[in-house]
Amino acid sequence: MSFNIIGKSVVKKDALEKVKGKAVYTGDMKLPGMLVAKVLRSPHAHAEIVKIDTSKAKALPGVKAVITFEDTPKIKYNMAGFPPSGVFPLPEDQYILSEKTRFVGDGIAAVAAVDEDTAKEALKLIEVEYRVLPAVFDIESVLNGEGSQIHDESPELFDAKSNLVTQFTQPFVVGDVEKGFAEADLVLEETYSTHKVYHCSLEPCSVSIASYDDSGRLTVWSSTQMPYLVRRLLAQSLDMPIGMVRVIKPNVGGAFGSRLGMVNEPLAALLAKITKAPVKVEYDREESFLASEGRHPGLYKIKTGIKKDGIFTARQLIGWFDTGAYATHGPSQAAVQGAWFVGMYKCPNVNYQGTTVYTNTPLSGAYRGYGNPQIVFAVESHNDSLAEKLGIDPLEIRLKNHPCEGEIWPWTGWHIESCGLEEAIERGAKAIGWKEKRGVSQDGKIKRGVGMAYMMHVSGARPILHENAGAFIKMNEDGSVNVITGSTDVGQGSTTTLAQIVAEELGISYEDVHMSVAGT
């Protein structure tokens, strides 16, 4: 099929304003009478607030409001915000501000003032008395019973006393792994771990501005990836009707998952309500590392049974995932990693167990690949070990065990309608000279080798969640169109792509498609 506009090189819709320096980001915005807010953060990884005195901060000239947990709604939420489901429920374990701090940098108070310097000075005047509690900082320490209980008992949690958030086994069990291990010529068990990494988009995360109109309707400008999700969470955490909340997403300077949830929007909204003035909360780079989410560290124990010819007889993985001080995306990460483990290779006997744990560290959450890089590193490294033990080419294991067209994907029971893995592996091996380069002896300090791995990734969350997005197209009198969509462009160019699709479908020029900023 040939296209006139799709697939062609066009100027990005937002390119001109960006290269001219005219693109407006949330941090660039200034509303009349706008105040600046800053957050006081805990110096302790785990502590209860015994006493907090804000009187000196409130008395500082230029300070318009100071809030602590005593001034916030006692409504729990989960900043990840994805609708809960039976497969991966997301525990609601966060408050806007809490009387307990669960990691170094956890917010315990906020100040709104006439400028940033005044707000920062006011933070120094807040007096806090803590009762420090034992803390736990990694998966192994949690499993050894170290630290102390981070969150109260809740039906949503698997074992709060042991700091275990959720644990999944079903629906990630196929056949009988013990039977498969007994049938194997080789059984290999290994342990792998991955560490935490952070996003570092050009625009620090997060910045938001909140303002109320005379009718009490809240408008928030936010550097978010998901304005509709933020609107829902704002309404929930502030106990407001969702129709009274509007969220607008200006230009965003990169995201990679770091803006996949609500961060400081409720603080801006609360302070705006108290002061009756617009309030901006903008995190610097250090605050962004503390308050936004990084990639989940993982600990993986993998056990595989395999025949001499490279055919799997059993695959088992027990994984633990460090979600930090709050659940956020942790349970869904554990679930999707199970789906990828089960679905990456075909095997008659598969067993997966994934457990999310709390630690007294900053939050883990959505980061490019959403759990995939961690489990792929572990699984594919393990497959290379299997090949080495058997003395066969690592490609053989992949080629003999990959899912094929017409087979059933074990997690959903759906038929695989297409699969080009075999062709991709063979063409990739040829392109990099796999046979010629692999195993060649080399001298000197620097040695170069070749390696391979494959992965699978999904788009959307079916059949667990029914995610959807829509668009409205308005025809103008001059033949041009205005497009309003919930899809958010955070630098990846989706606005341009959608404009190309609309122009192609309607038979109009690309220049006659006008895209509106995402918002509710």
Protein backbone atom coordinates (compact mmCIF):
# COMPACT_ATOMS: atom_id res chain seq x y z
CA MET A 1 0.00 0.00 0.00
CA SER A 2 1.35 3.41 -0.95
CA PHE A 3 0.77 6.57 1.08
CA ASN A 4 1.02 10.23 0.23
CA ILE A 5 1.88 11.50 3.72
CA ILE A 6 2.34 8.54 6.08
CA GLY A 7 5.95 7.40 6.05
CA LYS A 8 7.17 10.61 4.48
CA SER A 9 9.61 13.03 6.08
CA VAL A 10 7.73 16.06 7.39
CA VAL A 11 8.58 18.90 9.73
CA LYS A 12 7.47 18.06 13.27
CA LYS A 13 4.48 20.06 14.40
CA ASP A 14 6.36 21.53 17.35
CA ALA A 15 9.78 21.87 15.73
CA LEU A 16 9.68 25.55 14.80
CA GLU A 17 8.62 26.85 18.19
CA LYS A 18 11.24 24.70 19.89
CA VAL A 19 14.19 25.74 17.72
CA LYS A 20 13.13 29.38 18.15
CA GLY A 21 12.96 28.97 21.92
CA LYS A 22 9.29 29.90 21.95
CA ALA A 23 7.89 26.57 23.16
CA VAL A 24 6.18 27.08 26.51
CA TYR A 25 6.79 24.50 29.24
CA THR A 26 5.02 24.43 32.59
CA GLY A 27 8.08 25.88 34.28
CA ASP A 28 7.97 28.88 31.92
CA MET A 29 4.44 29.83 32.88
CA LYS A 30 3.69 32.77 35.18
CA LEU A 31 0.15 33.56 36.27
CA PRO A 32 -0.82 36.88 37.86
CA GLY A 33 -0.20 36.80 41.61
CA MET A 34 1.39 33.35 41.41
CA LEU A 35 3.12 32.01 44.52
CA VAL A 36 6.05 29.61 44.67
CA ALA A 37 5.97 26.47 46.81
CA LYS A 38 8.80 24.35 48.20
CA VAL A 39 8.73 21.05 50.07
CA LEU A 40 10.44 20.14 53.35
CA ARG A 41 11.94 16.67 53.08
CA SER A 42 12.84 14.16 55.74
CA PRO A 43 16.51 13.55 56.64
CA HIS A 44 15.59 10.08 57.95
CA ALA A 45 14.86 6.92 55.99
CA HIS A 46 12.21 5.75 58.45
CA ALA A 47 10.73 7.82 61.25
CA GLU A 48 7.54 8.98 62.91
CA ILE A 49 6.90 12.69 63.30
CA VAL A 50 6.43 13.27 67.03
CA LYS A 51 6.01 17.03 66.78
CA ILE A 52 6.11 19.63 64.01
CA ASP A 53 6.09 23.38 64.68
CA THR A 54 5.46 25.69 61.73
CA SER A 55 4.82 28.92 63.67
CA LYS A 56 8.16 30.55 62.85
CA ALA A 57 7.81 29.70 59.17
CA LYS A 58 4.30 31.15 59.05
CA ALA A 59 5.54 34.36 60.67
CA LEU A 60 8.21 34.97 58.02
CA PRO A 61 7.26 37.95 55.82
CA GLY A 62 6.22 36.78 52.36
CA VAL A 63 5.01 33.36 53.48
CA LYS A 64 1.36 32.82 52.57
CA ALA A 65 0.77 29.25 53.75
CA VAL A 66 2.45 26.29 55.44
CA ILE A 67 0.89 22.82 55.38
CA THR A 68 1.69 19.52 57.08
CA PHE A 69 -0.12 16.19 57.27
CA GLU A 70 -2.55 17.83 59.69
CA ASP A 71 -3.80 20.10 56.89
CA THR A 72 -4.31 17.46 54.19
CA PRO A 73 -7.24 15.13 53.46
CA LYS A 74 -6.83 11.70 55.06
CA ILE A 75 -7.47 9.94 51.77
CA LYS A 76 -5.13 7.24 50.50
CA TYR A 77 -4.20 6.90 46.84
CA ASN A 78 -1.59 5.29 44.60
CA MET A 79 0.31 7.77 42.44
CA ALA A 80 0.55 5.23 39.60
CA GLY A 81 -3.19 5.50 39.27
CA PHE A 82 -3.88 2.66 36.86
CA PRO A 83 -7.31 1.17 37.53
CA PRO A 84 -6.92 -1.77 39.90
CA SER A 85 -7.75 -5.25 38.70
CA GLY A 86 -7.87 -8.73 40.13
CA VAL A 87 -4.60 -9.69 38.49
CA PHE A 88 -2.43 -6.83 39.72
CA PRO A 89 -4.16 -4.69 42.32
CA LEU A 90 -2.35 -1.48 43.15
CA PRO A 91 -2.47 -0.86 46.92
CA GLU A 92 -3.38 2.69 47.89
CA ASP A 93 -0.74 3.52 50.51
CA GLN A 94 0.07 7.21 49.96
CA TYR A 95 -1.17 10.44 51.48
CA ILE A 96 -0.43 13.91 50.14
CA LEU A 97 1.62 14.40 53.33
CA SER A 98 2.06 11.84 56.10
CA GLU A 99 2.97 11.81 59.78
CA LYS A 100 5.46 9.07 58.99
CA THR A 101 8.48 9.38 56.72
CA ARG A 102 9.49 6.30 54.78
CA PHE A 103 12.63 7.36 52.87
CA VAL A 104 15.23 10.13 52.92
CA GLY A 105 13.56 12.89 50.96
CA ASP A 106 9.96 11.97 51.74
CA GLY A 107 7.90 15.18 51.83
CA ILE A 108 6.59 16.19 55.28
CA ALA A 109 5.58 19.85 54.83
CA ALA A 110 5.15 22.47 52.12
CA VAL A 111 5.39 26.25 52.03
CA ALA A 112 3.87 28.77 49.61
CA ALA A 113 5.54 32.17 49.47
CA VAL A 114 5.94 35.20 47.25
CA ASP A 115 9.20 33.87 45.81
CA GLU A 116 11.48 30.83 45.91
CA ASP A 117 14.06 32.32 48.26
CA THR A 118 11.40 33.15 50.85
CA ALA A 119 9.91 29.67 50.56
CA LYS A 120 13.32 28.05 51.06
CA GLU A 121 14.04 30.26 54.07
CA ALA A 122 10.69 29.27 55.60
CA LEU A 123 11.57 25.58 55.30
CA LYS A 124 14.58 26.18 57.56
CA LEU A 125 12.26 27.59 60.24
CA ILE A 126 10.05 24.49 60.47
CA GLU A 127 10.96 22.53 63.60
CA VAL A 128 10.44 18.77 63.50
CA GLU A 129 10.93 16.16 66.22
CA TYR A 130 11.34 12.61 64.89
CA ARG A 131 11.28 9.15 66.41
CA VAL A 132 13.70 7.28 64.19
CA LEU A 133 12.75 3.70 63.26
CA PRO A 134 14.85 0.81 61.91
CA ALA A 135 15.11 0.97 58.13
CA VAL A 136 15.63 -1.57 55.37
CA PHE A 137 17.27 -0.72 52.05
CA ASP A 138 17.38 -3.73 49.74
CA ILE A 139 15.58 -6.93 48.79
CA GLU A 140 17.96 -9.28 50.60
CA SER A 141 17.54 -7.36 53.86
CA VAL A 142 13.76 -7.53 53.54
CA LEU A 143 13.91 -11.29 53.03
CA ASN A 144 16.18 -11.56 56.09
CA GLY A 145 13.59 -9.77 58.21
CA GLU A 146 15.65 -6.65 58.82
CA GLY A 147 14.26 -3.16 59.38
CA SER A 148 10.76 -2.55 60.70
CA GLN A 149 7.25 -2.55 59.29
CA ILE A 150 6.93 0.26 56.74
CA HIS A 151 3.15 0.28 56.18
CA ASP A 152 0.23 -0.69 58.38
CA GLU A 153 -1.66 -3.93 57.87
CA SER A 154 -4.12 -3.76 54.99
CA PRO A 155 -6.19 -6.29 53.03
CA GLU A 156 -4.48 -4.91 49.92
CA LEU A 157 -1.04 -6.06 51.11
CA PHE A 158 0.29 -9.62 50.95
CA ASP A 159 2.26 -9.43 54.23
CA ALA A 160 2.67 -5.91 55.62
CA LYS A 161 4.57 -7.11 58.69
CA SER A 162 7.26 -8.61 56.46
CA ASN A 163 7.17 -5.63 54.04
CA LEU A 164 5.81 -7.78 51.22
CA VAL A 165 3.42 -5.80 49.03
CA THR A 166 2.00 -8.39 46.64
CA GLN A 167 2.85 -11.86 45.42
CA PHE A 168 1.79 -13.44 42.13
CA THR A 169 1.82 -17.06 41.08
CA GLN A 170 -1.37 -17.43 39.07
CA PRO A 171 -1.91 -17.22 36.15
CA PHE A 172 1.78 -17.92 35.56
CA VAL A 173 1.85 -21.68 36.09
CA VAL A 174 1.87 -24.13 33.19
CA GLY A 175 2.22 -27.89 33.58
CA ASP A 176 4.39 -29.43 36.32
CA VAL A 177 7.93 -28.07 36.67
CA GLU A 178 9.12 -30.86 38.97
CA LYS A 179 8.14 -33.39 36.31
CA GLY A 180 9.98 -31.29 33.73
CA PHE A 181 13.13 -31.10 35.82
CA ALA A 182 13.09 -34.89 36.24
CA GLU A 183 12.94 -35.32 32.45
CA ALA A 184 15.84 -32.94 31.78
CA ASP A 185 19.41 -33.90 30.85
CA LEU A 186 20.66 -30.75 32.56
CA VAL A 187 19.14 -28.65 35.34
CA LEU A 188 20.79 -25.29 35.91
CA GLU A 189 19.92 -22.83 38.67
CA GLU A 190 21.35 -19.29 38.81
CA THR A 191 20.71 -15.97 40.55
CA TYR A 192 20.78 -12.57 38.91
CA SER A 193 20.19 -9.07 40.19
CA THR A 194 19.57 -5.66 38.68
CA HIS A 195 20.02 -2.26 40.28
CA LYS A 196 18.02 0.96 40.36
CA VAL A 197 18.45 3.59 37.67
CA TYR A 198 16.77 6.96 37.24
CA HIS A 199 15.32 8.95 34.39
CA CYS A 200 17.06 12.19 33.54
CA SER A 201 14.92 13.96 30.96
CA LEU A 202 15.93 17.48 29.96
CA GLU A 203 13.01 18.94 31.90
CA PRO A 204 13.17 17.93 35.57
CA CYS A 205 10.15 16.09 36.87
CA SER A 206 7.85 17.45 38.13
CA VAL A 207 6.38 20.94 37.82
CA SER A 208 2.76 21.92 38.27
CA ILE A 209 0.70 25.08 38.65
CA ALA A 210 -2.72 25.10 40.31
CA SER A 211 -5.40 27.76 40.24
CA TYR A 212 -9.09 27.92 41.22
CA ASP A 213 -11.71 30.03 39.46
CA ASP A 214 -14.60 31.79 41.21
CA SER A 215 -16.83 28.73 40.85
CA GLY A 216 -14.32 26.57 42.72
CA ARG A 217 -13.16 24.67 39.65
CA LEU A 218 -9.53 23.62 39.82
CA THR A 219 -7.21 23.98 36.83
CA VAL A 220 -3.77 22.38 36.96
CA TRP A 221 -1.01 22.79 34.40
CA SER A 222 1.28 19.80 34.73
CA SER A 223 4.35 18.33 33.03
CA THR A 224 2.65 14.95 32.97
CA GLN A 225 2.38 12.10 30.51
CA MET A 226 -1.19 11.33 31.51
CA PRO A 227 -3.46 14.33 32.16
CA TYR A 228 -6.60 12.20 32.51
CA LEU A 229 -4.96 9.98 35.10
CA VAL A 230 -3.76 13.01 37.06
CA ARG A 231 -7.26 14.49 36.95
CA ARG A 232 -8.74 11.32 38.42
CA LEU A 233 -6.13 11.08 41.16
CA LEU A 234 -6.43 14.77 42.01
CA ALA A 235 -10.17 14.44 42.41
CA GLN A 236 -9.68 11.35 44.59
CA SER A 237 -6.92 12.73 46.82
CA LEU A 238 -8.62 16.13 47.28
CA ASP A 239 -12.11 14.64 47.66
CA MET A 240 -13.46 16.72 44.77
CA PRO A 241 -15.94 15.88 41.99
CA ILE A 242 -13.90 14.91 38.94
CA GLY A 243 -15.86 17.38 36.83
CA MET A 244 -14.46 20.20 38.96
CA VAL A 245 -10.87 19.34 38.01
CA ARG A 246 -9.17 20.25 34.75
CA VAL A 247 -5.61 19.23 33.85
CA ILE A 248 -3.64 20.79 30.99
CA LYS A 249 -0.34 19.43 29.66
CA PRO A 250 1.88 22.09 28.06
CA ASN A 251 5.09 21.08 26.26
CA VAL A 252 7.03 18.36 28.08
CA GLY A 253 10.79 17.92 27.90
CA GLY A 254 11.03 14.14 27.90
CA ALA A 255 9.44 11.56 30.17
CA PHE A 256 10.45 7.90 29.69
CA GLY A 257 7.92 6.88 32.36
CA SER A 258 8.95 9.42 35.00
CA ARG A 259 5.72 11.36 34.49
CA LEU A 260 3.45 8.30 34.45
CA GLY A 261 1.57 9.26 37.58
CA MET A 262 0.74 12.07 39.98
CA VAL A 263 3.68 13.75 41.72
CA ASN A 264 3.32 17.24 43.19
CA GLU A 265 -0.01 18.32 41.68
CA PRO A 266 -2.03 17.88 44.91
CA LEU A 267 0.41 20.04 46.88
CA ALA A 268 -0.02 22.86 44.38
CA ALA A 269 -3.80 22.43 44.49
CA LEU A 270 -4.03 22.46 48.29
CA LEU A 271 -1.82 25.50 48.64
CA ALA A 272 -3.75 27.33 45.91
CA LYS A 273 -6.99 26.62 47.75
CA ILE A 274 -5.63 27.90 51.07
CA THR A 275 -3.97 31.03 49.66
CA LYS A 276 -6.64 31.78 47.04
CA ALA A 277 -3.83 32.40 44.56
CA PRO A 278 -2.14 30.38 41.80
CA VAL A 279 0.70 28.24 43.16
CA LYS A 280 3.64 26.68 41.32
CA VAL A 281 5.52 23.65 42.65
CA GLU A 282 8.66 22.97 40.65
CA TYR A 283 11.23 20.32 41.58
CA ASP A 284 14.91 20.78 40.79
CA ARG A 285 17.03 17.89 39.57
CA GLU A 286 17.81 16.56 43.06
CA GLU A 287 14.16 16.71 44.09
CA SER A 288 13.19 14.96 40.87
CA PHE A 289 15.43 12.04 41.74
CA LEU A 290 13.85 11.87 45.20
CA ALA A 291 10.19 12.38 44.33
CA SER A 292 9.77 10.67 40.96
CA GLU A 293 10.16 6.99 40.20
CA GLY A 294 13.17 4.98 39.03
CA ARG A 295 13.51 1.47 37.64
CA HIS A 296 12.70 -1.38 40.03
CA PRO A 297 15.73 -3.30 41.29
CA GLY A 298 15.17 -7.03 40.89
CA LEU A 299 16.46 -10.30 42.33
CA TYR A 300 15.91 -13.36 40.13
CA LYS A 301 16.38 -17.03 40.93
CA ILE A 302 16.08 -18.96 37.66
CA LYS A 303 16.01 -22.72 37.30
CA THR A 304 15.79 -24.44 33.92
CA GLY A 305 15.57 -28.04 32.79
CA ILE A 306 16.86 -28.69 29.28
CA LYS A 307 17.58 -31.64 26.98
CA LYS A 308 20.98 -32.18 25.34
CA ASP A 309 19.53 -30.99 22.04
CA GLY A 310 18.57 -27.64 23.58
CA ILE A 311 14.82 -28.19 24.12
CA PHE A 312 13.39 -26.83 27.38
CA THR A 313 11.58 -29.26 29.67
CA ALA A 314 10.95 -26.89 32.59
CA ARG A 315 11.44 -23.21 33.40
CA GLN A 316 11.05 -21.66 36.85
CA LEU A 317 11.66 -18.12 38.03
CA ILE A 318 11.22 -16.71 41.51
CA GLY A 319 11.60 -12.94 41.49
CA TRP A 320 11.54 -10.13 44.03
CA PHE A 321 11.09 -6.49 43.05
CA ASP A 322 12.00 -3.46 45.15
CA THR A 323 9.23 -0.88 44.78
CA GLY A 324 10.71 1.53 47.33
CA ALA A 325 8.69 3.13 50.11
CA TYR A 326 5.33 3.06 48.32
CA ALA A 327 3.65 0.48 46.09
CA THR A 328 3.18 2.69 43.00
CA HIS A 329 3.69 0.47 39.91
CA GLY A 330 5.31 -2.39 41.85
CA PRO A 331 2.51 -4.97 41.64
CA SER A 332 1.87 -4.38 37.95
CA GLN A 333 5.62 -4.64 37.27
CA ALA A 334 5.69 -8.02 38.98
CA ALA A 335 2.70 -9.17 36.95
CA VAL A 336 3.96 -8.09 33.54
CA GLN A 337 7.40 -9.55 34.19
CA GLY A 338 5.64 -12.84 34.84
CA ALA A 339 3.78 -12.53 31.56
CA TRP A 340 7.03 -11.92 29.70
CA PHE A 341 8.80 -14.82 31.40
CA VAL A 342 5.97 -17.19 30.52
CA GLY A 343 5.58 -15.87 26.99
CA MET A 344 9.18 -15.40 25.84
CA TYR A 345 9.77 -19.11 25.26
CA LYS A 346 7.57 -22.13 24.79
CA CYS A 347 7.91 -24.84 27.38
CA PRO A 348 5.46 -27.51 28.63
CA ASN A 349 6.23 -26.76 32.28
CA VAL A 350 6.60 -23.21 33.57
CA ASN A 351 6.37 -21.70 37.05
CA TYR A 352 6.70 -18.02 37.95
CA GLN A 353 6.38 -16.32 41.32
CA GLY A 354 6.84 -12.58 41.63
CA THR A 355 6.89 -10.70 44.93
CA THR A 356 7.01 -6.93 45.35
CA VAL A 357 8.73 -5.66 48.50
CA TYR A 358 8.82 -2.35 50.35
CA THR A 359 12.15 -0.73 51.24
CA ASN A 360 12.98 2.64 52.82
CA THR A 361 14.20 4.05 49.52
CA PRO A 362 12.74 6.47 46.94
CA LEU A 363 9.95 5.19 44.73
CA SER A 364 10.35 2.70 41.91
CA GLY A 365 7.93 2.81 39.01
CA ALA A 366 7.58 3.18 35.27
CA TYR A 367 10.87 3.36 33.39
CA ARG A 368 11.39 2.64 29.70
CA GLY A 369 10.40 -0.97 29.05
CA TYR A 370 8.29 -1.21 32.22
CA GLY A 371 10.12 -4.12 33.87
CA ASN A 372 11.24 -5.74 30.66
CA PRO A 373 14.97 -4.87 30.73
CA GLN A 374 15.39 -6.42 34.18
CA ILE A 375 13.85 -9.79 33.44
CA VAL A 376 15.31 -10.00 29.93
CA PHE A 377 18.80 -9.46 31.33
CA ALA A 378 18.30 -12.32 33.77
CA VAL A 379 16.60 -14.75 31.37
CA GLU A 380 18.88 -14.16 28.40
CA SER A 381 22.06 -14.30 30.50
CA HIS A 382 20.79 -17.59 31.90
CA ASN A 383 20.16 -18.94 28.40
CA ASP A 384 23.76 -18.17 27.47
CA SER A 385 24.89 -20.13 30.54
CA LEU A 386 22.76 -23.08 29.43
CA ALA A 387 24.32 -23.00 25.97
CA GLU A 388 27.80 -22.93 27.47
CA LYS A 389 27.04 -25.89 29.75
CA LEU A 390 25.68 -27.91 26.83
CA GLY A 391 28.41 -26.81 24.43
CA ILE A 392 25.94 -25.55 21.82
CA ASP A 393 25.47 -22.27 19.99
CA PRO A 394 23.33 -19.83 22.04
CA LEU A 395 21.32 -19.18 18.87
CA GLU A 396 20.19 -22.81 18.89
CA ILE A 397 18.42 -22.45 22.24
CA ARG A 398 16.49 -19.43 20.97
CA LEU A 399 15.65 -21.00 17.61
CA LYS A 400 14.43 -24.25 19.15
CA ASN A 401 12.31 -22.73 21.91
CA HIS A 402 10.86 -19.48 20.61
CA PRO A 403 7.06 -19.15 20.26
CA CYS A 404 5.75 -19.76 16.76
CA GLU A 405 2.87 -18.58 14.63
CA GLY A 406 -0.28 -20.60 15.27
CA GLU A 407 0.66 -21.57 18.82
CA ILE A 408 -1.19 -20.38 21.90
CA TRP A 409 0.31 -17.73 24.13
CA PRO A 410 0.06 -19.36 27.58
CA TRP A 411 -0.84 -16.27 29.62
CA THR A 412 -3.93 -15.20 27.69
CA GLY A 413 -4.82 -18.34 25.76
CA TRP A 414 -4.84 -16.34 22.53
CA HIS A 415 -3.44 -17.68 19.27
CA ILE A 416 -0.21 -16.13 18.03
CA GLU A 417 -1.22 -14.75 14.65
CA SER A 418 2.26 -13.78 13.49
CA CYS A 419 5.81 -14.27 14.71
CA GLY A 420 8.97 -13.30 12.85
CA LEU A 421 11.45 -14.22 15.58
CA GLU A 422 13.22 -16.98 13.67
CA GLU A 423 13.78 -14.78 10.65
CA ALA A 424 14.88 -11.88 12.85
CA ILE A 425 17.41 -14.06 14.71
CA GLU A 426 18.86 -15.53 11.52
CA ARG A 427 19.07 -12.22 9.70
CA GLY A 428 20.56 -10.51 12.74
CA ALA A 429 23.20 -13.22 13.14
CA LYS A 430 24.16 -12.90 9.49
CA ALA A 431 24.29 -9.10 9.66
CA ILE A 432 26.78 -9.04 12.55
CA GLY A 433 28.87 -11.98 11.34
CA TRP A 434 27.89 -14.21 14.25
CA LYS A 435 29.53 -17.41 13.00
CA GLU A 436 32.72 -15.67 11.89
CA LYS A 437 33.25 -13.59 15.03
CA ARG A 438 32.02 -15.88 17.79
CA GLY A 439 34.68 -17.76 19.73
CA VAL A 440 37.62 -16.21 17.90
CA SER A 441 40.69 -16.14 20.15
CA GLN A 442 42.12 -12.68 20.77
CA ASP A 443 45.28 -11.27 22.28
CA GLY A 444 45.78 -8.06 24.22
CA LYS A 445 43.92 -6.30 27.00
CA ILE A 446 40.92 -5.33 24.89
CA LYS A 447 38.80 -8.16 23.56
CA ARG A 448 35.68 -7.84 21.46
CA GLY A 449 32.86 -10.32 21.23
CA VAL A 450 29.35 -10.76 19.91
CA GLY A 451 26.21 -11.51 21.84
CA MET A 452 22.50 -11.81 21.24
CA ALA A 453 19.27 -11.61 23.14
CA TYR A 454 15.64 -11.18 22.29
CA MET A 455 12.64 -9.86 24.12
CA MET A 456 8.93 -9.33 23.70
CA HIS A 457 6.98 -6.26 24.70
CA VAL A 458 3.32 -5.36 24.60
CA SER A 459 1.34 -2.25 23.79
CA GLY A 460 -1.64 -1.69 26.04
CA ALA A 461 -2.80 -3.87 28.89
CA ARG A 462 -5.41 -6.18 27.43
CA PRO A 463 -6.88 -8.53 28.55
CA ILE A 464 -6.28 -7.26 32.10
CA LEU A 465 -7.24 -3.63 31.58
CA HIS A 466 -9.28 -2.09 28.81
CA GLU A 467 -7.11 0.89 27.96
CA ASN A 468 -8.31 3.19 25.24
CA ALA A 469 -7.68 6.58 23.73
CA GLY A 470 -9.79 8.72 21.46
CA ALA A 471 -9.67 11.76 19.23
CA PHE A 472 -12.10 14.45 18.12
CA ILE A 473 -11.73 16.03 14.68
CA LYS A 474 -13.41 19.36 13.94
CA MET A 475 -13.79 20.43 10.32
CA ASN A 476 -13.18 24.12 9.70
CA GLU A 477 -14.77 26.32 7.04
CA ASP A 478 -11.51 26.62 5.10
CA GLY A 479 -11.06 22.85 4.79
CA SER A 480 -8.54 22.53 7.60
CA VAL A 481 -9.19 20.45 10.71
CA ASN A 482 -8.55 20.75 14.44
CA VAL A 483 -7.63 17.52 16.22
CA ILE A 484 -8.11 17.05 19.96
CA THR A 485 -6.65 13.85 21.40
CA GLY A 486 -5.81 12.41 24.79
CA SER A 487 -2.48 11.17 23.44
CA THR A 488 0.36 13.14 24.99
CA ASP A 489 3.45 14.17 23.07
CA VAL A 490 6.39 14.29 25.46
CA GLY A 491 8.99 14.72 22.73
CA GLN A 492 8.54 11.44 20.88
CA GLY A 493 6.61 13.05 18.02
CA SER A 494 3.18 11.46 18.45
CA THR A 495 1.48 14.75 17.58
CA THR A 496 3.21 14.73 14.21
CA THR A 497 2.39 11.08 13.58
CA LEU A 498 -1.29 11.58 14.38
CA ALA A 499 -1.39 14.63 12.11
CA GLN A 500 0.02 12.54 9.26
CA ILE A 501 -2.61 9.85 9.81
CA VAL A 502 -5.44 12.39 9.85
CA ALA A 503 -4.16 14.12 6.72
CA GLU A 504 -3.79 10.81 4.91
CA GLU A 505 -7.24 9.57 5.87
CA LEU A 506 -9.04 12.83 5.03
CA GLY A 507 -7.05 13.53 1.88
CA ILE A 508 -5.89 16.97 3.01
CA SER A 509 -2.47 18.51 3.38
CA TYR A 510 -0.37 17.91 6.47
CA GLU A 511 -0.21 21.67 7.03
CA ASP A 512 -4.02 21.83 7.27
CA VAL A 513 -4.09 19.59 10.35
CA HIS A 514 -3.93 21.59 13.58
CA MET A 515 -3.21 19.64 16.77
CA SER A 516 -4.44 20.80 20.17
CA VAL A 517 -2.46 20.49 23.41
CA ALA A 518 -3.47 17.42 25.39
CA GLY A 519 -5.65 18.14 28.37
CA THR A 520 -8.94 17.26 30.00
